[in-house]
Amino acid sequence: MRSREEQEEIIKRALSMCNGSIQEPEPRRVPTPDVSEGRVIAYLIASEVFDCNIWFALDDDFDLKERLAVFYAYELPFLREKTPDQLRAIHRLKLNFGPRSIMRK
């Protein structure tokens, strides 16, 4: 381990090599979405039943490239009467065979 003096000398040499022109990087600006613009096509939901995130899509054409299950609005009548265990089984099928593997509109 280096002594405090050695560490300070290393810092001084590094600063002299860059002529003291070290600048703090600009903070990264993350755009704030405006929910009043456009239309909502899907919601990301933290599901307690599945113990993971799922997508609930309002738009039948919503196609996700991630490895997350997508449940579509037109599936609700089919899913409404399912038990939590049946829903978990459907979730596994969607993960393995794709979001539209259960039923098509």
Protein backbone atom coordinates (compact mmCIF):
# COMPACT_ATOMS: atom_id res chain seq x y z
CA MET A 1 0.00 0.00 0.00
CA ARG A 2 1.29 3.46 -0.90
CA SER A 3 1.84 6.16 1.64
CA ARG A 4 -0.24 9.32 1.57
CA GLU A 5 2.76 11.26 0.22
CA GLU A 6 3.19 8.78 -2.66
CA GLN A 7 -0.51 9.00 -3.50
CA GLU A 8 -0.39 12.82 -3.54
CA GLU A 9 2.71 12.74 -5.79
CA ILE A 10 0.92 10.43 -8.25
CA ILE A 11 -2.06 12.80 -8.33
CA LYS A 12 0.22 15.83 -8.90
CA ARG A 13 2.02 14.07 -11.78
CA ALA A 14 -1.28 13.05 -13.38
CA LEU A 15 -2.61 16.60 -13.13
CA SER A 16 0.57 18.06 -14.60
CA MET A 17 0.33 15.69 -17.57
CA CYS A 18 -3.09 17.03 -18.49
CA ASN A 19 -2.20 20.66 -17.74
CA GLY A 20 -4.90 20.86 -15.09
CA SER A 21 -7.62 20.62 -17.72
CA ILE A 22 -9.60 17.86 -16.07
CA GLN A 23 -13.25 18.71 -16.23
CA GLU A 24 -16.16 17.10 -14.56
CA PRO A 25 -18.35 15.28 -17.08
CA GLU A 26 -21.68 16.91 -17.79
CA PRO A 27 -24.51 15.22 -15.98
CA ARG A 28 -26.40 12.92 -18.28
CA ARG A 29 -29.77 14.35 -19.14
CA VAL A 30 -32.57 11.86 -19.25
CA PRO A 31 -35.60 13.09 -21.16
CA THR A 32 -38.79 13.19 -19.14
CA PRO A 33 -41.59 11.54 -21.08
CA ASP A 34 -44.71 13.57 -21.54
CA VAL A 35 -47.62 11.22 -20.96
CA SER A 36 -49.99 13.68 -22.55
CA GLU A 37 -48.32 13.13 -25.92
CA GLY A 38 -49.25 10.16 -28.06
CA ARG A 39 -51.22 7.20 -26.83
CA VAL A 40 -50.41 4.52 -24.29
CA ILE A 41 -49.93 1.16 -25.98
CA ALA A 42 -48.71 -0.92 -23.03
CA TYR A 43 -48.01 -0.84 -19.31
CA LEU A 44 -45.09 -2.52 -17.55
CA ILE A 45 -46.43 -4.14 -14.39
CA ALA A 46 -44.52 -5.51 -11.40
CA SER A 47 -46.61 -8.62 -10.80
CA GLU A 48 -46.82 -10.18 -7.35
CA VAL A 49 -48.52 -13.28 -8.79
CA PHE A 50 -45.63 -13.95 -11.18
CA ASP A 51 -42.94 -12.38 -8.97
CA CYS A 52 -41.54 -10.51 -11.98
CA ASN A 53 -42.38 -7.80 -14.50
CA ILE A 54 -44.94 -8.38 -17.24
CA TRP A 55 -46.39 -6.23 -20.00
CA PHE A 56 -50.09 -5.50 -20.34
CA ALA A 57 -50.71 -4.38 -23.92
CA LEU A 58 -53.66 -2.26 -24.98
CA ASP A 59 -52.56 -2.37 -28.62
CA ASP A 60 -52.88 -5.77 -30.32
CA ASP A 61 -49.83 -4.97 -32.46
CA PHE A 62 -47.55 -4.44 -29.46
CA ASP A 63 -44.57 -6.71 -30.06
CA LEU A 64 -41.85 -6.84 -27.46
CA LYS A 65 -38.31 -7.93 -28.26
CA GLU A 66 -37.41 -8.47 -24.59
CA ARG A 67 -37.81 -11.74 -22.76
CA LEU A 68 -40.87 -10.66 -20.79
CA ALA A 69 -44.39 -12.00 -21.04
CA VAL A 70 -46.98 -9.83 -22.75
CA PHE A 71 -50.65 -10.12 -21.82
CA TYR A 72 -53.05 -8.49 -24.27
CA ALA A 73 -56.33 -6.75 -23.47
CA TYR A 74 -58.27 -9.18 -25.69
CA GLU A 75 -57.03 -12.06 -23.47
CA LEU A 76 -58.70 -10.69 -20.32
CA PRO A 77 -62.00 -12.60 -20.73
CA PHE A 78 -59.99 -15.84 -21.05
CA LEU A 79 -57.70 -15.01 -18.11
CA ARG A 80 -60.36 -13.65 -15.77
CA GLU A 81 -61.46 -17.03 -14.38
CA LYS A 82 -57.96 -18.53 -14.00
CA THR A 83 -56.42 -19.37 -10.65
CA PRO A 84 -53.01 -17.97 -9.69
CA ASP A 85 -51.43 -21.36 -10.47
CA GLN A 86 -53.07 -21.45 -13.90
CA LEU A 87 -51.91 -17.89 -14.57
CA ARG A 88 -48.35 -18.87 -13.62
CA ALA A 89 -48.52 -21.79 -16.07
CA ILE A 90 -49.76 -19.45 -18.81
CA HIS A 91 -46.95 -17.03 -17.94
CA ARG A 92 -44.35 -19.82 -18.35
CA LEU A 93 -45.86 -20.77 -21.72
CA LYS A 94 -45.67 -17.16 -22.90
CA LEU A 95 -42.02 -16.94 -21.83
CA ASN A 96 -41.11 -20.17 -23.61
CA PHE A 97 -43.21 -19.90 -26.77
CA GLY A 98 -43.80 -16.18 -27.21
CA PRO A 99 -46.42 -13.64 -26.14
CA ARG A 100 -49.08 -14.81 -28.58
CA SER A 101 -48.70 -18.51 -27.82
CA ILE A 102 -51.87 -18.84 -25.70
CA MET A 103 -54.57 -17.43 -27.90
CA ARG A 104 -54.92 -15.27 -30.93
CA LYS A 105 -57.48 -12.57 -31.42
